[in-house]
Amino acid sequence: MPDILEDGENRLPGTLRKLLERLNGNFKEMDRQMAELIDLALLGAFHQGRKQCASFKVPM
């Protein structure tokens, strides 16, 4: 996307160029938020698995 926005020969209207810049920023922010949520979900699953393992007793 940055290549398209920086290319002065593509004759994008200024308004479209600004819109694409904003959309690109929005996509980057959503990607960051998704990565954060995935990390939190994985961390939660890890801790839940540890709790289950800790409560598991091997019969003798």
PDB file of N, CA and C in Angstrom:
ATOM      1  N   MET A   1       0.819  -1.201   0.000  1.00  0.00           N
ATOM      2  CA  MET A   1       0.000   0.000   0.000  1.00  0.00           C
ATOM      3  C   MET A   1       0.862   1.265   0.000  1.00  0.00           C
ATOM      4  N   PRO A   2       1.914   1.336   0.809  1.00  0.00           N
ATOM      5  CA  PRO A   2       2.719   2.562   0.799  1.00  0.00           C
ATOM      6  C   PRO A   2       3.276   2.887  -0.588  1.00  0.00           C
ATOM      7  N   ASP A   3       3.630   1.850  -1.367  1.00  0.00           N
ATOM      8  CA  ASP A   3       4.142   2.089  -2.716  1.00  0.00           C
ATOM      9  C   ASP A   3       3.098   2.777  -3.591  1.00  0.00           C
ATOM     10  N   ILE A   4       1.866   2.354  -3.445  1.00  0.00           N
ATOM     11  CA  ILE A   4       0.782   2.948  -4.244  1.00  0.00           C
ATOM     12  C   ILE A   4       0.563   4.399  -3.828  1.00  0.00           C
ATOM     13  N   LEU A   5       0.560   4.636  -2.532  1.00  0.00           N
ATOM     14  CA  LEU A   5       0.285   5.979  -2.032  1.00  0.00           C
ATOM     15  C   LEU A   5       1.418   6.954  -2.366  1.00  0.00           C
ATOM     16  N   GLU A   6       2.643   6.460  -2.423  1.00  0.00           N
ATOM     17  CA  GLU A   6       3.785   7.335  -2.686  1.00  0.00           C
ATOM     18  C   GLU A   6       4.044   7.552  -4.173  1.00  0.00           C
ATOM     19  N   ASP A   7       3.427   6.737  -5.017  1.00  0.00           N
ATOM     20  CA  ASP A   7       3.646   6.846  -6.460  1.00  0.00           C
ATOM     21  C   ASP A   7       2.862   8.031  -7.013  1.00  0.00           C
ATOM     22  N   GLY A   8       3.566   9.083  -7.364  1.00  0.00           N
ATOM     23  CA  GLY A   8       2.924  10.280  -7.888  1.00  0.00           C
ATOM     24  C   GLY A   8       2.413  10.109  -9.308  1.00  0.00           C
ATOM     25  N   GLU A   9       2.856   9.071  -9.995  1.00  0.00           N
ATOM     26  CA  GLU A   9       2.444   8.852 -11.380  1.00  0.00           C
ATOM     27  C   GLU A   9       1.112   8.116 -11.503  1.00  0.00           C
ATOM     28  N   ASN A  10       0.583   7.591 -10.412  1.00  0.00           N
ATOM     29  CA  ASN A  10      -0.681   6.855 -10.511  1.00  0.00           C
ATOM     30  C   ASN A  10      -1.896   7.780 -10.545  1.00  0.00           C
ATOM     31  N   ARG A  11      -1.671   9.059 -10.334  1.00  0.00           N
ATOM     32  CA  ARG A  11      -2.713  10.098 -10.465  1.00  0.00           C
ATOM     33  C   ARG A  11      -3.936   9.849  -9.587  1.00  0.00           C
ATOM     34  N   LEU A  12      -3.703   9.326  -8.400  1.00  0.00           N
ATOM     35  CA  LEU A  12      -4.817   9.174  -7.464  1.00  0.00           C
ATOM     36  C   LEU A  12      -5.253  10.553  -6.991  1.00  0.00           C
ATOM     37  N   PRO A  13      -6.554  10.788  -6.961  1.00  0.00           N
ATOM     38  CA  PRO A  13      -7.024  12.064  -6.406  1.00  0.00           C
ATOM     39  C   PRO A  13      -6.614  12.163  -4.930  1.00  0.00           C
ATOM     40  N   GLY A  14      -6.364  13.372  -4.465  1.00  0.00           N
ATOM     41  CA  GLY A  14      -5.936  13.591  -3.084  1.00  0.00           C
ATOM     42  C   GLY A  14      -6.877  12.990  -2.063  1.00  0.00           C
ATOM     43  N   THR A  15      -8.179  13.111  -2.310  1.00  0.00           N
ATOM     44  CA  THR A  15      -9.170  12.585  -1.373  1.00  0.00           C
ATOM     45  C   THR A  15      -9.065  11.064  -1.281  1.00  0.00           C
ATOM     46  N   LEU A  16      -8.902  10.399  -2.417  1.00  0.00           N
ATOM     47  CA  LEU A  16      -8.765   8.942  -2.427  1.00  0.00           C
ATOM     48  C   LEU A  16      -7.463   8.532  -1.752  1.00  0.00           C
ATOM     49  N   ARG A  17      -6.402   9.276  -2.001  1.00  0.00           N
ATOM     50  CA  ARG A  17      -5.113   8.981  -1.373  1.00  0.00           C
ATOM     51  C   ARG A  17      -5.228   9.066   0.156  1.00  0.00           C
ATOM     52  N   LYS A  18      -5.899  10.103   0.654  1.00  0.00           N
ATOM     53  CA  LYS A  18      -6.092  10.260   2.100  1.00  0.00           C
ATOM     54  C   LYS A  18      -6.961   9.149   2.671  1.00  0.00           C
ATOM     55  N   LEU A  19      -8.003   8.773   1.940  1.00  0.00           N
ATOM     56  CA  LEU A  19      -8.874   7.687   2.378  1.00  0.00           C
ATOM     57  C   LEU A  19      -8.093   6.381   2.484  1.00  0.00           C
ATOM     58  N   LEU A  20      -7.287   6.085   1.478  1.00  0.00           N
ATOM     59  CA  LEU A  20      -6.491   4.862   1.490  1.00  0.00           C
ATOM     60  C   LEU A  20      -5.463   4.872   2.616  1.00  0.00           C
ATOM     61  N   GLU A  21      -4.891   6.030   2.908  1.00  0.00           N
ATOM     62  CA  GLU A  21      -3.954   6.139   4.032  1.00  0.00           C
ATOM     63  C   GLU A  21      -4.661   5.832   5.349  1.00  0.00           C
ATOM     64  N   ARG A  22      -5.861   6.372   5.512  1.00  0.00           N
ATOM     65  CA  ARG A  22      -6.621   6.126   6.740  1.00  0.00           C
ATOM     66  C   ARG A  22      -7.017   4.665   6.859  1.00  0.00           C
ATOM     67  N   LEU A  23      -7.480   4.081   5.755  1.00  0.00           N
ATOM     68  CA  LEU A  23      -7.866   2.670   5.772  1.00  0.00           C
ATOM     69  C   LEU A  23      -6.668   1.780   6.094  1.00  0.00           C
ATOM     70  N   ASN A  24      -5.524   2.112   5.522  1.00  0.00           N
ATOM     71  CA  ASN A  24      -4.312   1.347   5.794  1.00  0.00           C
ATOM     72  C   ASN A  24      -3.958   1.431   7.280  1.00  0.00           C
ATOM     73  N   GLY A  25      -4.068   2.614   7.856  1.00  0.00           N
ATOM     74  CA  GLY A  25      -3.819   2.770   9.291  1.00  0.00           C
ATOM     75  C   GLY A  25      -4.813   1.977  10.126  1.00  0.00           C
ATOM     76  N   ASN A  26      -6.082   1.986   9.702  1.00  0.00           N
ATOM     77  CA  ASN A  26      -7.113   1.217  10.411  1.00  0.00           C
ATOM     78  C   ASN A  26      -6.814  -0.281  10.362  1.00  0.00           C
ATOM     79  N   PHE A  27      -6.403  -0.779   9.201  1.00  0.00           N
ATOM     80  CA  PHE A  27      -6.074  -2.197   9.067  1.00  0.00           C
ATOM     81  C   PHE A  27      -4.888  -2.568   9.958  1.00  0.00           C
ATOM     82  N   LYS A  28      -3.898  -1.703  10.019  1.00  0.00           N
ATOM     83  CA  LYS A  28      -2.737  -1.970  10.880  1.00  0.00           C
ATOM     84  C   LYS A  28      -3.156  -2.028  12.341  1.00  0.00           C
ATOM     85  N   GLU A  29      -4.031  -1.124  12.757  1.00  0.00           N
ATOM     86  CA  GLU A  29      -4.506  -1.108  14.132  1.00  0.00           C
ATOM     87  C   GLU A  29      -5.338  -2.354  14.437  1.00  0.00           C
ATOM     88  N   MET A  30      -6.209  -2.751  13.520  1.00  0.00           N
ATOM     89  CA  MET A  30      -6.998  -3.969  13.730  1.00  0.00           C
ATOM     90  C   MET A  30      -6.096  -5.193  13.808  1.00  0.00           C
ATOM     91  N   ASP A  31      -5.060  -5.238  12.990  1.00  0.00           N
ATOM     92  CA  ASP A  31      -4.113  -6.349  13.028  1.00  0.00           C
ATOM     93  C   ASP A  31      -3.418  -6.405  14.388  1.00  0.00           C
ATOM     94  N   ARG A  32      -3.035  -5.255  14.911  1.00  0.00           N
ATOM     95  CA  ARG A  32      -2.395  -5.195  16.223  1.00  0.00           C
ATOM     96  C   ARG A  32      -3.347  -5.690  17.310  1.00  0.00           C
ATOM     97  N   GLN A  33      -4.611  -5.255  17.231  1.00  0.00           N
ATOM     98  CA  GLN A  33      -5.601  -5.655  18.232  1.00  0.00           C
ATOM     99  C   GLN A  33      -5.890  -7.156  18.148  1.00  0.00           C
ATOM    100  N   MET A  34      -5.965  -7.698  16.938  1.00  0.00           N
ATOM    101  CA  MET A  34      -6.205  -9.133  16.779  1.00  0.00           C
ATOM    102  C   MET A  34      -5.054  -9.934  17.366  1.00  0.00           C
ATOM    103  N   ALA A  35      -3.825  -9.500  17.121  1.00  0.00           N
ATOM    104  CA  ALA A  35      -2.662 -10.190  17.678  1.00  0.00           C
ATOM    105  C   ALA A  35      -2.707 -10.152  19.196  1.00  0.00           C
ATOM    106  N   GLU A  36      -3.114  -9.025  19.756  1.00  0.00           N
ATOM    107  CA  GLU A  36      -3.220  -8.888  21.212  1.00  0.00           C
ATOM    108  C   GLU A  36      -4.274  -9.843  21.764  1.00  0.00           C
ATOM    109  N   LEU A  37      -5.434  -9.918  21.109  1.00  0.00           N
ATOM    110  CA  LEU A  37      -6.498 -10.809  21.574  1.00  0.00           C
ATOM    111  C   LEU A  37      -6.095 -12.273  21.455  1.00  0.00           C
ATOM    112  N   ILE A  38      -5.397 -12.612  20.392  1.00  0.00           N
ATOM    113  CA  ILE A  38      -4.927 -13.990  20.223  1.00  0.00           C
ATOM    114  C   ILE A  38      -3.931 -14.331  21.320  1.00  0.00           C
ATOM    115  N   ASP A  39      -3.017 -13.409  21.605  1.00  0.00           N
ATOM    116  CA  ASP A  39      -2.053 -13.638  22.680  1.00  0.00           C
ATOM    117  C   ASP A  39      -2.762 -13.850  24.012  1.00  0.00           C
ATOM    118  N   LEU A  40      -3.777 -13.048  24.294  1.00  0.00           N
ATOM    119  CA  LEU A  40      -4.523 -13.193  25.553  1.00  0.00           C
ATOM    120  C   LEU A  40      -5.267 -14.522  25.598  1.00  0.00           C
ATOM    121  N   ALA A  41      -5.855 -14.917  24.472  1.00  0.00           N
ATOM    122  CA  ALA A  41      -6.578 -16.186  24.420  1.00  0.00           C
ATOM    123  C   ALA A  41      -5.621 -17.358  24.629  1.00  0.00           C
ATOM    124  N   LEU A  42      -4.457 -17.305  24.002  1.00  0.00           N
ATOM    125  CA  LEU A  42      -3.478 -18.376  24.173  1.00  0.00           C
ATOM    126  C   LEU A  42      -2.966 -18.435  25.611  1.00  0.00           C
ATOM    127  N   LEU A  43      -2.735 -17.277  26.198  1.00  0.00           N
ATOM    128  CA  LEU A  43      -2.276 -17.224  27.586  1.00  0.00           C
ATOM    129  C   LEU A  43      -3.337 -17.803  28.511  1.00  0.00           C
ATOM    130  N   GLY A  44      -4.593 -17.450  28.274  1.00  0.00           N
ATOM    131  CA  GLY A  44      -5.688 -17.991  29.080  1.00  0.00           C
ATOM    132  C   GLY A  44      -5.799 -19.498  28.937  1.00  0.00           C
ATOM    133  N   ALA A  45      -5.658 -20.001  27.717  1.00  0.00           N
ATOM    134  CA  ALA A  45      -5.724 -21.441  27.488  1.00  0.00           C
ATOM    135  C   ALA A  45      -4.557 -22.141  28.172  1.00  0.00           C
ATOM    136  N   PHE A  46      -3.388 -21.516  28.130  1.00  0.00           N
ATOM    137  CA  PHE A  46      -2.211 -22.088  28.792  1.00  0.00           C
ATOM    138  C   PHE A  46      -2.450 -22.216  30.292  1.00  0.00           C
ATOM    139  N   HIS A  47      -2.943 -21.146  30.905  1.00  0.00           N
ATOM    140  CA  HIS A  47      -3.184 -21.173  32.354  1.00  0.00           C
ATOM    141  C   HIS A  47      -4.288 -22.168  32.713  1.00  0.00           C
ATOM    142  N   GLN A  48      -5.304 -22.261  31.874  1.00  0.00           N
ATOM    143  CA  GLN A  48      -6.384 -23.217  32.123  1.00  0.00           C
ATOM    144  C   GLN A  48      -5.840 -24.642  32.049  1.00  0.00           C
ATOM    145  N   GLY A  49      -4.978 -24.902  31.081  1.00  0.00           N
ATOM    146  CA  GLY A  49      -4.364 -26.227  30.956  1.00  0.00           C
ATOM    147  C   GLY A  49      -3.498 -26.566  32.154  1.00  0.00           C
ATOM    148  N   ARG A  50      -2.773 -25.575  32.669  1.00  0.00           N
ATOM    149  CA  ARG A  50      -1.931 -25.799  33.860  1.00  0.00           C
ATOM    150  C   ARG A  50      -2.798 -26.137  35.068  1.00  0.00           C
ATOM    151  N   LYS A  51      -3.931 -25.450  35.199  1.00  0.00           N
ATOM    152  CA  LYS A  51      -4.830 -25.741  36.327  1.00  0.00           C
ATOM    153  C   LYS A  51      -5.360 -27.163  36.235  1.00  0.00           C
ATOM    154  N   GLN A  52      -5.728 -27.574  35.021  1.00  0.00           N
ATOM    155  CA  GLN A  52      -6.254 -28.921  34.840  1.00  0.00           C
ATOM    156  C   GLN A  52      -5.180 -29.967  35.128  1.00  0.00           C
ATOM    157  N   CYS A  53      -3.962 -29.702  34.706  1.00  0.00           N
ATOM    158  CA  CYS A  53      -2.861 -30.640  34.962  1.00  0.00           C
ATOM    159  C   CYS A  53      -2.555 -30.726  36.457  1.00  0.00           C
ATOM    160  N   ALA A  54      -2.629 -29.604  37.137  1.00  0.00           N
ATOM    161  CA  ALA A  54      -2.323 -29.568  38.561  1.00  0.00           C
ATOM    162  C   ALA A  54      -3.359 -30.343  39.373  1.00  0.00           C
ATOM    163  N   SER A  55      -4.601 -30.365  38.888  1.00  0.00           N
ATOM    164  CA  SER A  55      -5.663 -31.055  39.621  1.00  0.00           C
ATOM    165  C   SER A  55      -5.758 -32.538  39.250  1.00  0.00           C
ATOM    166  N   PHE A  56      -5.018 -32.968  38.263  1.00  0.00           N
ATOM    167  CA  PHE A  56      -5.054 -34.359  37.828  1.00  0.00           C
ATOM    168  C   PHE A  56      -4.220 -35.216  38.773  1.00  0.00           C
ATOM    169  N   LYS A  57      -4.808 -36.282  39.253  1.00  0.00           N
ATOM    170  CA  LYS A  57      -4.124 -37.193  40.170  1.00  0.00           C
ATOM    171  C   LYS A  57      -3.949 -38.544  39.484  1.00  0.00           C
ATOM    172  N   VAL A  58      -2.756 -39.072  39.584  1.00  0.00           N
ATOM    173  CA  VAL A  58      -2.486 -40.391  39.019  1.00  0.00           C
ATOM    174  C   VAL A  58      -2.906 -41.438  40.034  1.00  0.00           C
ATOM    175  N   PRO A  59      -3.793 -42.366  39.629  1.00  0.00           N
ATOM    176  CA  PRO A  59      -4.215 -43.422  40.566  1.00  0.00           C
ATOM    177  C   PRO A  59      -3.042 -44.357  40.895  1.00  0.00           C
ATOM    178  N   MET A  60      -2.989 -44.799  42.117  1.00  0.00           N
ATOM    179  CA  MET A  60      -1.928 -45.718  42.531  1.00  0.00           C
ATOM    180  C   MET A  60      -2.457 -47.085  42.758  1.00  0.00           C
TER     181      MET A  60
END
